[in-house]
């Protein structure tokens, strides 16, 4: 019997890994348009790994705490600690998974969660005796918020390069906003507001996607068949009493994201990523190339600041005969783009996402063109 790798998925901050990751992105099922039934996801990641979808921190999705103070002391540190304790307890309950290769994946604010949890696991693996050792082999971060300054600069540069902002607005931001020193003057803020206004009514998380309405339902866009109303279907499904009963969760009014008061969030996670590189685990940062919220420019600026030597030159990767995206391998880190995907890569490009994550788990860069 094949011993599959164990992959944990986290999304954030305040948004549900189960509602988004499992039900709309990479899980085994998708919610149908009736909001009451499910269909199989033929490109689910559980084809190549055993997956845990973790709601974190407490208060997100169906998760809750018996201690009300937990809701007022939420931050990066507490989230990492709680996730680590969860993993230890989970592995004690299911000891057959203790020896499996373990990977962590996450998107968006997972750019904080994933490296921080990986750092905590590796630190405790070294210093804790008579303690469960988690067999961490790698992390994958999708469209991750990694550095406040570089990601903000990358976002506004992307708006301009994608034709969403005027030259005048871009020049104003470039001239008046000191992203290197967090120096956002009133004039800088005015130009940023102007840039946001110029976007108009679009989905910043996928700049080509339609909004949910009767005419957009089941409409393909940018090579994607993802239904833009999927979040509505999921919301209806997870609020069905019979579904909550079947999931053995506390009856609640489920919502995809929760309002949380954050107590700590470092401006940059790059020092943590640098430390992980020296640990020798596999690190992939992937990016859907039509996401405007944490775009490929933000990811490139963040990685480039590390000044890592290039080991594998920039090249296209393929799913069959089609370009799935592009990849460059650095010392200790790989950058992978996914063509035609927004912020939620497995939703927009499920087959390309499955090809990518399969390569990651095998320790190989995504495939080249088959001759």
Protein backbone atom coordinates (compact mmCIF):
# COMPACT_ATOMS: atom_id res chain seq x y z
CA UNK A 1 0.00 0.00 0.00
CA UNK A 2 1.31 3.46 -0.90
CA UNK A 3 1.91 5.64 2.13
CA UNK A 4 0.69 9.01 0.93
CA UNK A 5 2.23 12.21 2.09
CA UNK A 6 0.36 14.26 4.66
CA UNK A 7 -0.52 17.81 3.59
CA UNK A 8 -2.09 20.45 5.83
CA UNK A 9 -3.87 23.42 4.25
CA UNK A 10 -4.38 26.78 5.97
CA UNK A 11 -5.87 30.03 4.70
CA UNK A 12 -6.21 33.36 6.40
CA UNK A 13 -6.53 35.63 8.15
CA UNK A 14 -9.98 34.84 9.45
CA UNK A 15 -11.17 32.84 6.44
CA UNK A 16 -12.17 29.20 6.37
CA UNK A 17 -9.80 26.56 5.02
CA UNK A 18 -12.73 24.17 4.97
CA UNK A 19 -15.19 26.50 3.25
CA UNK A 20 -12.72 27.77 0.67
CA UNK A 21 -9.93 25.20 0.44
CA UNK A 22 -11.97 22.02 0.83
CA UNK A 23 -15.29 23.01 -0.74
CA UNK A 24 -14.26 25.46 -3.48
CA UNK A 25 -10.62 24.77 -4.30
CA UNK A 26 -8.81 21.48 -3.87
CA UNK A 27 -11.02 19.22 -1.77
CA UNK A 28 -12.73 16.04 -2.98
CA UNK A 29 -16.15 17.68 -3.44
CA UNK A 30 -17.69 20.83 -4.89
CA UNK A 31 -21.12 22.16 -3.91
CA UNK A 32 -23.64 22.10 -6.72
CA UNK A 33 -25.71 25.14 -7.72
CA UNK A 34 -28.70 23.85 -5.72
CA UNK A 35 -26.74 24.44 -2.51
CA UNK A 36 -27.82 21.05 -1.16
CA UNK A 37 -25.84 18.41 -3.07
CA UNK A 38 -22.22 17.67 -3.92
CA UNK A 39 -20.27 16.56 -6.97
CA UNK A 40 -16.80 15.06 -7.19
CA UNK A 41 -13.81 17.27 -7.93
CA UNK A 42 -11.81 15.26 -10.46
CA UNK A 43 -8.69 17.36 -9.77
CA UNK A 44 -8.77 17.12 -5.99
CA UNK A 45 -5.42 17.14 -4.22
CA UNK A 46 -6.37 14.14 -2.09
CA UNK A 47 -5.51 12.11 -5.20
CA UNK A 48 -1.86 12.64 -4.31
CA UNK A 49 -1.89 13.31 -0.55
CA UNK A 50 -3.80 12.83 2.67
CA UNK A 51 -5.02 16.33 3.51
CA UNK A 52 -5.98 18.06 6.75
CA UNK A 53 -7.97 21.28 6.37
CA UNK A 54 -7.36 23.27 9.54
CA UNK A 55 -9.58 26.16 10.61
CA UNK A 56 -7.30 28.62 12.36
CA UNK A 57 -7.36 30.57 14.54
CA UNK A 58 -10.26 29.64 16.84
CA UNK A 59 -13.42 31.42 15.77
CA UNK A 60 -12.95 30.79 12.06
CA UNK A 61 -15.52 28.64 10.27
CA UNK A 62 -16.88 25.97 12.59
CA UNK A 63 -13.99 26.31 15.07
CA UNK A 64 -14.51 27.84 18.50
CA UNK A 65 -12.92 28.13 21.92
CA UNK A 66 -14.41 27.57 25.36
CA UNK A 67 -12.22 30.42 26.62
CA UNK A 68 -13.54 33.82 25.49
CA UNK A 69 -10.10 35.37 26.05
CA UNK A 70 -8.83 33.40 23.07
CA UNK A 71 -10.86 35.63 20.77
CA UNK A 72 -9.18 38.82 22.04
CA UNK A 73 -5.60 37.54 21.91
CA UNK A 74 -5.45 36.36 18.31
CA UNK A 75 -2.30 36.90 16.30
CA UNK A 76 0.46 35.23 14.36
CA UNK A 77 2.20 33.77 17.41
CA UNK A 78 -0.91 32.28 19.00
CA UNK A 79 -2.09 30.88 15.66
CA UNK A 80 1.23 29.09 15.11
CA UNK A 81 1.22 27.68 18.65
CA UNK A 82 -2.38 26.48 18.44
CA UNK A 83 -1.77 24.88 15.04
CA UNK A 84 1.29 23.10 16.38
CA UNK A 85 -0.59 21.78 19.43
CA UNK A 86 -3.37 20.60 17.13
CA UNK A 87 -0.88 18.66 15.01
CA UNK A 88 0.71 16.99 18.03
CA UNK A 89 -2.70 15.92 19.33
CA UNK A 90 -3.84 14.77 15.90
CA UNK A 91 -0.75 12.62 15.42
CA UNK A 92 -1.22 11.08 18.88
CA UNK A 93 -4.76 10.15 17.92
CA UNK A 94 -3.71 8.81 14.51
CA UNK A 95 -0.19 7.46 15.16
CA UNK A 96 -0.07 5.63 11.81
CA UNK A 97 0.70 9.02 10.23
CA UNK A 98 3.65 9.90 12.46
CA UNK A 99 6.25 8.58 10.06
CA UNK A 100 4.73 10.10 6.91
CA UNK A 101 6.41 12.94 5.09
CA UNK A 102 4.58 16.09 6.17
CA UNK A 103 3.98 19.22 4.10
CA UNK A 104 2.18 22.49 4.79
CA UNK A 105 0.37 24.54 2.15
CA UNK A 106 -1.54 27.78 2.43
CA UNK A 107 -2.59 30.83 0.48
CA UNK A 108 -2.97 34.58 1.01
CA UNK A 109 -2.18 35.35 4.69
CA UNK A 110 -0.90 31.79 4.70
CA UNK A 111 2.25 33.64 3.63
CA UNK A 112 2.56 34.29 7.37
CA UNK A 113 0.91 31.17 8.79
CA UNK A 114 2.82 28.58 6.78
CA UNK A 115 6.43 29.75 7.33
CA UNK A 116 5.74 30.54 10.99
CA UNK A 117 4.30 27.10 11.69
CA UNK A 118 7.15 25.45 9.78
CA UNK A 119 9.68 27.40 11.87
CA UNK A 120 7.96 26.35 15.11
CA UNK A 121 7.88 22.69 14.05
CA UNK A 122 11.57 22.64 13.14
CA UNK A 123 12.56 24.48 16.34
CA UNK A 124 10.63 22.07 18.55
CA UNK A 125 11.88 19.05 16.62
CA UNK A 126 15.38 20.06 17.72
CA UNK A 127 14.83 21.06 21.32
CA UNK A 128 11.97 18.94 22.65
CA UNK A 129 12.82 15.51 24.00
CA UNK A 130 10.30 12.66 24.40
CA UNK A 131 8.04 14.60 22.09
CA UNK A 132 6.41 13.77 18.78
CA UNK A 133 8.72 14.74 15.96
CA UNK A 134 6.82 16.07 12.95
CA UNK A 135 8.45 14.87 9.74
CA UNK A 136 8.29 18.23 7.93
CA UNK A 137 9.58 18.01 4.36
CA UNK A 138 8.37 21.18 2.71
CA UNK A 139 6.00 24.15 2.46
CA UNK A 140 4.05 25.69 -0.41
CA UNK A 141 2.65 29.23 -0.26
CA UNK A 142 0.19 30.45 -2.88
CA UNK A 143 -0.23 34.17 -3.64
CA UNK A 144 1.11 34.76 -0.16
CA UNK A 145 1.31 38.07 1.69
CA UNK A 146 4.98 37.98 2.67
CA UNK A 147 6.22 41.54 3.11
CA UNK A 148 3.97 44.56 3.71
CA UNK A 149 6.06 47.05 1.74
CA UNK A 150 7.03 44.86 -1.20
CA UNK A 151 3.57 43.32 -1.56
CA UNK A 152 1.91 46.76 -1.52
CA UNK A 153 4.34 48.11 -4.09
CA UNK A 154 3.87 45.00 -6.21
CA UNK A 155 0.10 45.37 -6.09
CA UNK A 156 0.07 48.93 -7.43
CA UNK A 157 2.72 48.14 -10.05
CA UNK A 158 0.58 45.22 -11.20
CA UNK A 159 -2.49 47.44 -11.52
CA UNK A 160 -0.57 49.66 -13.90
CA UNK A 161 1.09 46.86 -15.89
CA UNK A 162 -2.27 45.08 -16.27
CA UNK A 163 -3.80 48.23 -17.72
CA UNK A 164 -6.01 48.91 -14.70
CA UNK A 165 -4.47 52.26 -13.72
CA UNK A 166 -3.47 55.41 -15.57
CA UNK A 167 0.13 56.44 -16.17
CA UNK A 168 -0.42 59.58 -14.10
CA UNK A 169 -1.61 57.63 -11.07
CA UNK A 170 1.23 55.14 -11.31
CA UNK A 171 3.78 57.93 -11.62
CA UNK A 172 2.30 59.61 -8.54
CA UNK A 173 2.55 56.44 -6.46
CA UNK A 174 6.05 55.74 -7.72
CA UNK A 175 7.20 59.26 -6.85
CA UNK A 176 5.39 59.89 -3.56
CA UNK A 177 5.23 56.48 -1.83
CA UNK A 178 8.40 55.35 -0.06
CA UNK A 179 7.65 51.65 0.15
CA UNK A 180 11.13 50.89 1.42
CA UNK A 181 10.56 52.77 4.67
CA UNK A 182 6.79 52.54 5.24
CA UNK A 183 6.64 56.28 4.55
CA UNK A 184 3.09 56.73 3.27
CA UNK A 185 2.48 60.48 3.17
CA UNK A 186 -0.95 62.05 2.73
CA UNK A 187 -0.10 62.64 -0.93
CA UNK A 188 0.89 58.98 -1.30
CA UNK A 189 -2.37 57.84 0.30
CA UNK A 190 -4.36 60.07 -2.05
CA UNK A 191 -2.73 58.48 -5.09
CA UNK A 192 -3.34 55.00 -3.69
CA UNK A 193 -7.01 55.88 -3.22
CA UNK A 194 -7.09 57.18 -6.75
CA UNK A 195 -5.57 53.93 -8.01
CA UNK A 196 -8.21 51.92 -6.19
CA UNK A 197 -10.99 54.10 -7.62
CA UNK A 198 -9.64 53.67 -11.14
CA UNK A 199 -10.06 49.89 -10.90
CA UNK A 200 -13.81 50.25 -11.13
CA UNK A 201 -16.09 47.38 -10.20
CA UNK A 202 -13.89 44.31 -10.72
CA UNK A 203 -12.93 41.29 -8.65
CA UNK A 204 -9.44 42.18 -7.47
CA UNK A 205 -8.80 38.51 -6.62
CA UNK A 206 -9.18 37.57 -10.28
CA UNK A 207 -9.11 40.59 -12.54
CA UNK A 208 -10.86 38.76 -15.41
CA UNK A 209 -13.55 36.92 -13.46
CA UNK A 210 -17.23 37.84 -13.68
CA UNK A 211 -19.25 38.53 -10.56
CA UNK A 212 -21.88 36.11 -9.36
CA UNK A 213 -25.14 36.71 -11.23
CA UNK A 214 -27.52 34.71 -13.35
CA UNK A 215 -25.69 35.44 -16.60
CA UNK A 216 -22.24 34.71 -15.16
CA UNK A 217 -23.10 31.33 -13.66
CA UNK A 218 -21.14 28.52 -15.32
CA UNK A 219 -19.49 30.98 -17.69
CA UNK A 220 -15.90 30.23 -18.67
CA UNK A 221 -13.34 32.99 -18.28
CA UNK A 222 -9.61 32.96 -18.92
CA UNK A 223 -9.72 29.23 -19.52
CA UNK A 224 -11.54 28.54 -16.24
CA UNK A 225 -14.87 26.80 -15.70
CA UNK A 226 -15.14 27.84 -12.06
CA UNK A 227 -18.61 29.03 -11.15
CA UNK A 228 -18.38 32.56 -9.67
CA UNK A 229 -21.39 31.78 -7.45
CA UNK A 230 -19.61 28.88 -5.72
CA UNK A 231 -19.21 30.82 -2.48
CA UNK A 232 -22.99 31.31 -2.29
CA UNK A 233 -23.58 27.59 -2.87
CA UNK A 234 -21.05 26.69 -0.17
CA UNK A 235 -22.59 29.13 2.30
CA UNK A 236 -26.04 27.61 1.76
CA UNK A 237 -24.73 24.05 2.04
CA UNK A 238 -22.70 24.51 5.22
CA UNK A 239 -25.65 26.18 6.95
CA UNK A 240 -27.95 23.20 6.38
CA UNK A 241 -28.74 21.62 9.79
CA UNK A 242 -28.35 18.11 8.36
CA UNK A 243 -24.89 18.98 7.02
CA UNK A 244 -23.74 20.44 10.33
CA UNK A 245 -25.08 17.35 12.08
CA UNK A 246 -23.23 15.07 9.66
CA UNK A 247 -20.01 17.03 10.22
CA UNK A 248 -20.43 16.71 14.02
CA UNK A 249 -19.96 20.44 14.49
CA UNK A 250 -21.57 22.81 16.94
CA UNK A 251 -24.77 24.20 15.34
CA UNK A 252 -23.94 27.70 14.20
CA UNK A 253 -24.51 30.37 11.59
CA UNK A 254 -21.57 29.50 9.36
CA UNK A 255 -19.75 32.20 7.40
CA UNK A 256 -16.73 32.00 5.13
CA UNK A 257 -14.71 34.66 7.00
CA UNK A 258 -14.75 36.05 10.53
CA UNK A 259 -13.89 39.46 11.92
CA UNK A 260 -10.84 39.05 14.14
CA UNK A 261 -8.84 41.52 16.22
CA UNK A 262 -5.23 40.83 15.33
CA UNK A 263 -2.60 41.45 18.04
CA UNK A 264 0.67 40.72 16.23
CA UNK A 265 1.76 40.58 12.62
CA UNK A 266 5.35 41.24 11.56
CA UNK A 267 5.81 43.60 8.62
CA UNK A 268 7.92 41.00 6.84
CA UNK A 269 8.07 37.23 6.96
CA UNK A 270 11.19 37.15 4.77
CA UNK A 271 13.60 36.58 7.70
CA UNK A 272 11.58 33.49 8.66
CA UNK A 273 11.68 32.22 5.07
CA UNK A 274 15.43 32.82 4.99
CA UNK A 275 15.82 30.68 8.10
CA UNK A 276 13.74 27.91 6.55
CA UNK A 277 15.94 27.93 3.46
CA UNK A 278 18.95 27.13 5.62
CA UNK A 279 17.05 24.24 7.22
CA UNK A 280 16.98 22.38 3.92
CA UNK A 281 13.23 21.79 3.59
CA UNK A 282 11.57 22.28 0.20
CA UNK A 283 10.06 25.75 -0.24
CA UNK A 284 7.75 26.64 -3.11
CA UNK A 285 6.05 29.97 -3.57
CA UNK A 286 3.42 29.83 -6.30
CA UNK A 287 1.33 32.56 -7.84
CA UNK A 288 -1.77 32.73 -9.99
CA UNK A 289 -0.88 35.33 -12.62
CA UNK A 290 -4.23 37.16 -12.77
CA UNK A 291 -4.56 37.82 -9.05
CA UNK A 292 -4.55 41.56 -8.33
CA UNK A 293 -4.63 41.32 -4.52
CA UNK A 294 -1.28 39.57 -4.01
CA UNK A 295 -0.03 39.56 -7.60
CA UNK A 296 3.00 37.96 -9.18
CA UNK A 297 4.86 41.28 -8.99
CA UNK A 298 4.48 41.28 -5.20
CA UNK A 299 5.80 37.73 -5.04
CA UNK A 300 8.72 38.50 -7.33
CA UNK A 301 9.73 41.62 -5.38
CA UNK A 302 9.65 39.63 -2.13
CA UNK A 303 11.73 36.74 -3.48
CA UNK A 304 14.17 38.99 -5.32
CA UNK A 305 14.93 40.81 -2.07
CA UNK A 306 16.45 37.57 -0.74
CA UNK A 307 19.11 37.71 -3.52
CA UNK A 308 19.23 33.94 -3.91
CA UNK A 309 21.44 32.32 -6.57
CA UNK A 310 19.51 30.88 -9.54
CA UNK A 311 19.87 27.10 -9.91
CA UNK A 312 17.29 26.47 -12.66
CA UNK A 313 16.67 29.22 -15.20
CA UNK A 314 13.21 30.61 -15.84
CA UNK A 315 11.23 28.29 -18.14
CA UNK A 316 7.65 27.36 -18.98
CA UNK A 317 6.11 24.26 -17.45
CA UNK A 318 3.39 22.19 -19.08
CA UNK A 319 0.21 20.23 -18.58
CA UNK A 320 0.30 18.07 -21.70
CA UNK A 321 1.01 20.42 -24.60
CA UNK A 322 -0.27 23.57 -22.83
CA UNK A 323 1.83 26.00 -20.84
CA UNK A 324 0.67 25.64 -17.26
CA UNK A 325 2.81 28.51 -16.05
CA UNK A 326 6.44 29.37 -15.47
CA UNK A 327 9.07 28.29 -12.96
CA UNK A 328 12.44 29.42 -11.71
CA UNK A 329 14.53 27.51 -9.19
CA UNK A 330 16.68 29.35 -6.67
CA UNK A 331 18.98 27.96 -4.02
CA UNK A 332 16.51 26.54 -1.51
CA UNK A 333 13.35 27.96 -3.08
CA UNK A 334 11.23 27.68 -6.23
CA UNK A 335 8.90 30.29 -7.71
CA UNK A 336 6.06 28.81 -9.77
CA UNK A 337 3.39 30.76 -11.65
CA UNK A 338 0.05 29.27 -12.70
CA UNK A 339 -1.28 30.66 -15.96
CA UNK A 340 -4.86 31.92 -15.93
CA UNK A 341 -5.32 31.58 -12.16
CA UNK A 342 -6.34 34.22 -9.67
CA UNK A 343 -5.90 34.31 -5.90
CA UNK A 344 -7.51 30.88 -5.43
CA UNK A 345 -5.35 28.90 -7.83
CA UNK A 346 -7.05 25.46 -7.56
CA UNK A 347 -10.47 27.03 -8.17
CA UNK A 348 -9.50 28.75 -11.41
CA UNK A 349 -7.07 26.18 -12.78
CA UNK A 350 -7.70 22.86 -11.01
CA UNK A 351 -5.79 20.61 -13.42
CA UNK A 352 -2.75 22.88 -13.53
CA UNK A 353 -2.85 23.21 -9.75
CA UNK A 354 -2.92 19.43 -9.32
CA UNK A 355 0.02 19.04 -11.70
CA UNK A 356 1.94 21.66 -9.73
CA UNK A 357 1.28 20.24 -6.26
CA UNK A 358 2.03 16.69 -7.45
CA UNK A 359 5.46 17.87 -8.60
CA UNK A 360 6.02 19.68 -5.31
CA UNK A 361 5.25 16.56 -3.27
CA UNK A 362 7.62 14.51 -5.44
CA UNK A 363 10.42 17.04 -5.00
CA UNK A 364 10.50 17.85 -8.71
CA UNK A 365 9.98 21.08 -10.61
CA UNK A 366 6.80 21.08 -12.75
CA UNK A 367 7.16 19.15 -16.02
CA UNK A 368 8.70 20.39 -19.21
CA UNK A 369 7.11 19.87 -22.63
CA UNK A 370 6.82 16.20 -23.56
CA UNK A 371 8.49 15.66 -26.93
